[in-house]
Amino acid sequence: ARAAEAYQALRQRFPGTAGASAAAFQLGRLAFDGAGNHDAARRWFSAYLSEQPGGAFAQEALGRLLEAEHRLGLREQATQTAARYLARHPNGAHAALARSLVGE
């Protein structure tokens, strides 16, 4: 809980910075891994990707977004994200899941 508060404060205090974007990614990880809140994780990973589409965490954020959408049963969104993932990271850690969703 304290880490989430710190990341939220960073985002509020330094909006539009790379650090604020990294905080969004970390908030997504906390929501996904810590709380099992895939909906919140989805929002945070999406925020990171919109702020830093080519950032240091972009590949993992896109894969985690894919996992979150899949676990939430958002088939159409997950399929679109899977196609995006495969176009950018065909051999990435989430490629097997992505392929299963796009029917390859």
N, C-alpha and C. Protein backbone atom coordinates (compact mmCIF):
# COMPACT_ATOMS: atom_id res chain seq x y z
N ALA A 1 0.83 -1.20 0.00
CA ALA A 1 0.00 0.00 0.00
C ALA A 1 0.87 1.26 0.00
N ARG A 2 1.96 1.22 0.74
CA ARG A 2 2.83 2.39 0.82
C ARG A 2 3.53 2.65 -0.52
N ALA A 3 3.90 1.57 -1.19
CA ALA A 3 4.54 1.74 -2.51
C ALA A 3 3.56 2.39 -3.48
N ALA A 4 2.31 1.92 -3.47
CA ALA A 4 1.30 2.50 -4.36
C ALA A 4 1.10 3.98 -4.05
N GLU A 5 1.10 4.33 -2.78
CA GLU A 5 0.95 5.74 -2.41
C GLU A 5 2.12 6.57 -2.94
N ALA A 6 3.32 6.02 -2.83
CA ALA A 6 4.51 6.74 -3.31
C ALA A 6 4.46 6.92 -4.82
N TYR A 7 4.07 5.88 -5.55
CA TYR A 7 3.97 5.99 -7.00
C TYR A 7 2.89 6.98 -7.42
N GLN A 8 1.78 6.96 -6.70
CA GLN A 8 0.70 7.92 -6.99
C GLN A 8 1.19 9.35 -6.76
N ALA A 9 1.90 9.55 -5.66
CA ALA A 9 2.43 10.88 -5.35
C ALA A 9 3.41 11.34 -6.43
N LEU A 10 4.25 10.44 -6.89
CA LEU A 10 5.20 10.76 -7.95
C LEU A 10 4.46 11.20 -9.21
N ARG A 11 3.40 10.48 -9.56
CA ARG A 11 2.63 10.82 -10.75
C ARG A 11 1.96 12.18 -10.62
N GLN A 12 1.47 12.49 -9.42
CA GLN A 12 0.81 13.77 -9.21
C GLN A 12 1.81 14.92 -9.17
N ARG A 13 2.96 14.67 -8.59
CA ARG A 13 3.94 15.74 -8.42
C ARG A 13 4.73 16.04 -9.68
N PHE A 14 4.96 15.01 -10.49
CA PHE A 14 5.78 15.17 -11.70
C PHE A 14 5.08 14.62 -12.95
N PRO A 15 3.87 15.10 -13.24
CA PRO A 15 3.15 14.58 -14.41
C PRO A 15 3.90 14.83 -15.70
N GLY A 16 3.78 13.89 -16.62
CA GLY A 16 4.39 14.05 -17.93
C GLY A 16 5.86 13.70 -17.98
N THR A 17 6.42 13.24 -16.88
CA THR A 17 7.84 12.88 -16.87
C THR A 17 8.00 11.37 -17.07
N ALA A 18 9.21 10.98 -17.42
CA ALA A 18 9.50 9.55 -17.57
C ALA A 18 9.30 8.83 -16.24
N GLY A 19 9.64 9.50 -15.15
CA GLY A 19 9.44 8.89 -13.83
C GLY A 19 7.98 8.63 -13.51
N ALA A 20 7.13 9.57 -13.91
CA ALA A 20 5.69 9.39 -13.69
C ALA A 20 5.17 8.21 -14.51
N SER A 21 5.68 8.08 -15.72
CA SER A 21 5.28 6.95 -16.56
C SER A 21 5.76 5.63 -15.97
N ALA A 22 6.99 5.61 -15.49
CA ALA A 22 7.51 4.40 -14.85
C ALA A 22 6.68 4.05 -13.62
N ALA A 23 6.22 5.07 -12.91
CA ALA A 23 5.36 4.82 -11.75
C ALA A 23 4.05 4.16 -12.20
N ALA A 24 3.51 4.57 -13.35
CA ALA A 24 2.29 3.93 -13.87
C ALA A 24 2.54 2.45 -14.12
N PHE A 25 3.69 2.14 -14.71
CA PHE A 25 4.03 0.74 -14.95
C PHE A 25 4.11 -0.03 -13.63
N GLN A 26 4.78 0.55 -12.64
CA GLN A 26 4.93 -0.12 -11.35
C GLN A 26 3.58 -0.27 -10.64
N LEU A 27 2.71 0.71 -10.79
CA LEU A 27 1.36 0.59 -10.23
C LEU A 27 0.61 -0.56 -10.90
N GLY A 28 0.83 -0.73 -12.20
CA GLY A 28 0.22 -1.86 -12.90
C GLY A 28 0.72 -3.19 -12.35
N ARG A 29 2.01 -3.27 -12.11
CA ARG A 29 2.59 -4.50 -11.54
C ARG A 29 2.03 -4.78 -10.15
N LEU A 30 1.93 -3.73 -9.34
CA LEU A 30 1.38 -3.91 -7.99
C LEU A 30 -0.07 -4.39 -8.05
N ALA A 31 -0.84 -3.80 -8.95
CA ALA A 31 -2.25 -4.20 -9.07
C ALA A 31 -2.37 -5.63 -9.57
N PHE A 32 -1.57 -5.99 -10.56
CA PHE A 32 -1.65 -7.32 -11.16
C PHE A 32 -1.11 -8.39 -10.21
N ASP A 33 0.14 -8.20 -9.77
CA ASP A 33 0.81 -9.22 -8.97
C ASP A 33 0.41 -9.20 -7.50
N GLY A 34 0.28 -8.02 -6.95
CA GLY A 34 0.01 -7.90 -5.52
C GLY A 34 -1.44 -8.07 -5.15
N ALA A 35 -2.30 -7.37 -5.87
CA ALA A 35 -3.72 -7.36 -5.51
C ALA A 35 -4.57 -8.26 -6.40
N GLY A 36 -4.02 -8.73 -7.50
CA GLY A 36 -4.82 -9.52 -8.43
C GLY A 36 -5.94 -8.71 -9.05
N ASN A 37 -5.76 -7.40 -9.09
CA ASN A 37 -6.76 -6.50 -9.64
C ASN A 37 -6.40 -6.24 -11.11
N HIS A 38 -6.90 -7.11 -11.97
CA HIS A 38 -6.53 -7.05 -13.38
C HIS A 38 -7.12 -5.84 -14.10
N ASP A 39 -8.24 -5.35 -13.61
CA ASP A 39 -8.84 -4.16 -14.22
C ASP A 39 -7.97 -2.93 -13.95
N ALA A 40 -7.53 -2.76 -12.72
CA ALA A 40 -6.65 -1.64 -12.39
C ALA A 40 -5.32 -1.80 -13.13
N ALA A 41 -4.80 -3.02 -13.17
CA ALA A 41 -3.55 -3.26 -13.88
C ALA A 41 -3.68 -2.87 -15.34
N ARG A 42 -4.78 -3.23 -15.94
CA ARG A 42 -5.04 -2.89 -17.34
C ARG A 42 -4.99 -1.38 -17.55
N ARG A 43 -5.60 -0.64 -16.66
CA ARG A 43 -5.60 0.83 -16.78
C ARG A 43 -4.18 1.39 -16.64
N TRP A 44 -3.41 0.86 -15.68
CA TRP A 44 -2.06 1.39 -15.47
C TRP A 44 -1.12 1.03 -16.62
N PHE A 45 -1.20 -0.21 -17.12
CA PHE A 45 -0.34 -0.58 -18.24
C PHE A 45 -0.71 0.22 -19.48
N SER A 46 -1.99 0.47 -19.68
CA SER A 46 -2.43 1.30 -20.81
C SER A 46 -1.90 2.72 -20.66
N ALA A 47 -1.94 3.25 -19.45
CA ALA A 47 -1.43 4.60 -19.20
C ALA A 47 0.06 4.66 -19.54
N TYR A 48 0.81 3.67 -19.08
CA TYR A 48 2.24 3.66 -19.37
C TYR A 48 2.47 3.65 -20.88
N LEU A 49 1.77 2.76 -21.58
CA LEU A 49 1.98 2.63 -23.02
C LEU A 49 1.57 3.89 -23.79
N SER A 50 0.56 4.59 -23.32
CA SER A 50 0.18 5.82 -24.02
C SER A 50 1.20 6.93 -23.74
N GLU A 51 1.82 6.90 -22.56
CA GLU A 51 2.80 7.91 -22.20
C GLU A 51 4.21 7.60 -22.73
N GLN A 52 4.55 6.32 -22.79
CA GLN A 52 5.90 5.90 -23.19
C GLN A 52 5.82 4.70 -24.13
N PRO A 53 5.27 4.85 -25.34
CA PRO A 53 5.09 3.70 -26.22
C PRO A 53 6.38 2.99 -26.60
N GLY A 54 7.49 3.69 -26.54
CA GLY A 54 8.78 3.06 -26.84
C GLY A 54 9.68 3.02 -25.62
N GLY A 55 9.08 3.13 -24.45
CA GLY A 55 9.84 3.21 -23.22
C GLY A 55 10.49 1.90 -22.81
N ALA A 56 11.27 1.98 -21.76
CA ALA A 56 12.04 0.84 -21.27
C ALA A 56 11.16 -0.34 -20.86
N PHE A 57 9.93 -0.06 -20.44
CA PHE A 57 9.04 -1.12 -19.98
C PHE A 57 7.95 -1.45 -21.00
N ALA A 58 8.06 -0.93 -22.22
CA ALA A 58 6.98 -1.07 -23.20
C ALA A 58 6.66 -2.52 -23.53
N GLN A 59 7.68 -3.34 -23.74
CA GLN A 59 7.41 -4.73 -24.09
C GLN A 59 6.69 -5.45 -22.95
N GLU A 60 7.18 -5.29 -21.73
CA GLU A 60 6.54 -5.96 -20.61
C GLU A 60 5.15 -5.39 -20.34
N ALA A 61 5.00 -4.08 -20.47
CA ALA A 61 3.70 -3.46 -20.25
C ALA A 61 2.67 -3.98 -21.25
N LEU A 62 3.08 -4.12 -22.51
CA LEU A 62 2.17 -4.62 -23.53
C LEU A 62 1.79 -6.08 -23.25
N GLY A 63 2.77 -6.88 -22.85
CA GLY A 63 2.49 -8.27 -22.51
C GLY A 63 1.60 -8.39 -21.30
N ARG A 64 1.85 -7.56 -20.28
CA ARG A 64 1.02 -7.59 -19.08
C ARG A 64 -0.39 -7.09 -19.37
N LEU A 65 -0.50 -6.09 -20.25
CA LEU A 65 -1.82 -5.61 -20.68
C LEU A 65 -2.57 -6.75 -21.34
N LEU A 66 -1.90 -7.49 -22.19
CA LEU A 66 -2.49 -8.65 -22.86
C LEU A 66 -2.98 -9.66 -21.83
N GLU A 67 -2.15 -9.98 -20.86
CA GLU A 67 -2.55 -10.93 -19.81
C GLU A 67 -3.77 -10.44 -19.05
N ALA A 68 -3.77 -9.16 -18.68
CA ALA A 68 -4.88 -8.60 -17.92
C ALA A 68 -6.18 -8.68 -18.71
N GLU A 69 -6.13 -8.29 -19.98
CA GLU A 69 -7.34 -8.35 -20.81
C GLU A 69 -7.82 -9.79 -20.96
N HIS A 70 -6.89 -10.70 -21.14
CA HIS A 70 -7.25 -12.11 -21.26
C HIS A 70 -7.92 -12.61 -19.98
N ARG A 71 -7.35 -12.31 -18.84
CA ARG A 71 -7.92 -12.76 -17.56
C ARG A 71 -9.26 -12.11 -17.26
N LEU A 72 -9.48 -10.91 -17.78
CA LEU A 72 -10.76 -10.23 -17.59
C LEU A 72 -11.83 -10.71 -18.57
N GLY A 73 -11.43 -11.55 -19.52
CA GLY A 73 -12.38 -12.05 -20.51
C GLY A 73 -12.72 -11.05 -21.59
N LEU A 74 -11.85 -10.08 -21.81
CA LEU A 74 -12.06 -9.06 -22.83
C LEU A 74 -11.47 -9.57 -24.15
N ARG A 75 -12.17 -10.49 -24.75
CA ARG A 75 -11.66 -11.22 -25.91
C ARG A 75 -11.24 -10.32 -27.06
N GLU A 76 -12.11 -9.38 -27.44
CA GLU A 76 -11.80 -8.51 -28.59
C GLU A 76 -10.57 -7.65 -28.32
N GLN A 77 -10.52 -7.03 -27.13
CA GLN A 77 -9.37 -6.20 -26.79
C GLN A 77 -8.10 -7.04 -26.69
N ALA A 78 -8.20 -8.22 -26.08
CA ALA A 78 -7.04 -9.09 -25.93
C ALA A 78 -6.51 -9.52 -27.30
N THR A 79 -7.39 -9.81 -28.22
CA THR A 79 -6.98 -10.21 -29.56
C THR A 79 -6.27 -9.07 -30.27
N GLN A 80 -6.78 -7.86 -30.13
CA GLN A 80 -6.13 -6.69 -30.73
C GLN A 80 -4.76 -6.45 -30.10
N THR A 81 -4.69 -6.56 -28.79
CA THR A 81 -3.42 -6.36 -28.09
C THR A 81 -2.44 -7.46 -28.47
N ALA A 82 -2.94 -8.67 -28.64
CA ALA A 82 -2.08 -9.80 -29.04
C ALA A 82 -1.46 -9.54 -30.41
N ALA A 83 -2.25 -9.04 -31.33
CA ALA A 83 -1.73 -8.74 -32.67
C ALA A 83 -0.67 -7.64 -32.59
N ARG A 84 -0.92 -6.64 -31.78
CA ARG A 84 0.05 -5.56 -31.56
C ARG A 84 1.34 -6.11 -30.96
N TYR A 85 1.18 -6.98 -29.98
CA TYR A 85 2.35 -7.57 -29.32
C TYR A 85 3.19 -8.37 -30.31
N LEU A 86 2.54 -9.21 -31.10
CA LEU A 86 3.27 -10.04 -32.05
C LEU A 86 3.96 -9.22 -33.13
N ALA A 87 3.34 -8.12 -33.54
CA ALA A 87 3.95 -7.25 -34.55
C ALA A 87 5.24 -6.62 -34.02
N ARG A 88 5.26 -6.33 -32.73
CA ARG A 88 6.43 -5.67 -32.13
C ARG A 88 7.42 -6.63 -31.50
N HIS A 89 6.91 -7.73 -30.94
CA HIS A 89 7.77 -8.64 -30.16
C HIS A 89 7.43 -10.10 -30.49
N PRO A 90 7.67 -10.53 -31.72
CA PRO A 90 7.24 -11.88 -32.13
C PRO A 90 7.88 -13.02 -31.33
N ASN A 91 8.99 -12.75 -30.68
CA ASN A 91 9.65 -13.78 -29.87
C ASN A 91 9.66 -13.42 -28.39
N GLY A 92 8.80 -12.50 -27.99
CA GLY A 92 8.77 -12.03 -26.61
C GLY A 92 8.18 -13.04 -25.64
N ALA A 93 8.26 -12.70 -24.39
CA ALA A 93 7.81 -13.59 -23.32
C ALA A 93 6.32 -13.91 -23.39
N HIS A 94 5.53 -13.03 -23.98
CA HIS A 94 4.09 -13.25 -24.07
C HIS A 94 3.64 -13.71 -25.46
N ALA A 95 4.60 -14.09 -26.30
CA ALA A 95 4.27 -14.44 -27.68
C ALA A 95 3.38 -15.68 -27.77
N ALA A 96 3.61 -16.67 -26.93
CA ALA A 96 2.77 -17.88 -26.98
C ALA A 96 1.32 -17.56 -26.68
N LEU A 97 1.08 -16.77 -25.64
CA LEU A 97 -0.28 -16.36 -25.32
C LEU A 97 -0.86 -15.55 -26.45
N ALA A 98 -0.09 -14.63 -26.99
CA ALA A 98 -0.56 -13.79 -28.08
C ALA A 98 -0.96 -14.64 -29.29
N ARG A 99 -0.11 -15.60 -29.64
CA ARG A 99 -0.43 -16.47 -30.77
C ARG A 99 -1.71 -17.27 -30.54
N SER A 100 -1.90 -17.74 -29.33
CA SER A 100 -3.11 -18.51 -29.04
C SER A 100 -4.37 -17.66 -29.18
N LEU A 101 -4.25 -16.37 -28.93
CA LEU A 101 -5.40 -15.50 -29.04
C LEU A 101 -5.71 -15.05 -30.45
N VAL A 102 -4.67 -14.94 -31.27
CA VAL A 102 -4.92 -14.52 -32.65
C VAL A 102 -5.10 -15.72 -33.58
N GLY A 103 -4.97 -16.92 -33.04
CA GLY A 103 -5.25 -18.12 -33.81
C GLY A 103 -4.12 -18.58 -34.67
N GLU A 104 -2.90 -18.26 -34.34
CA GLU A 104 -1.74 -18.73 -35.12
C GLU A 104 -1.33 -20.10 -34.63
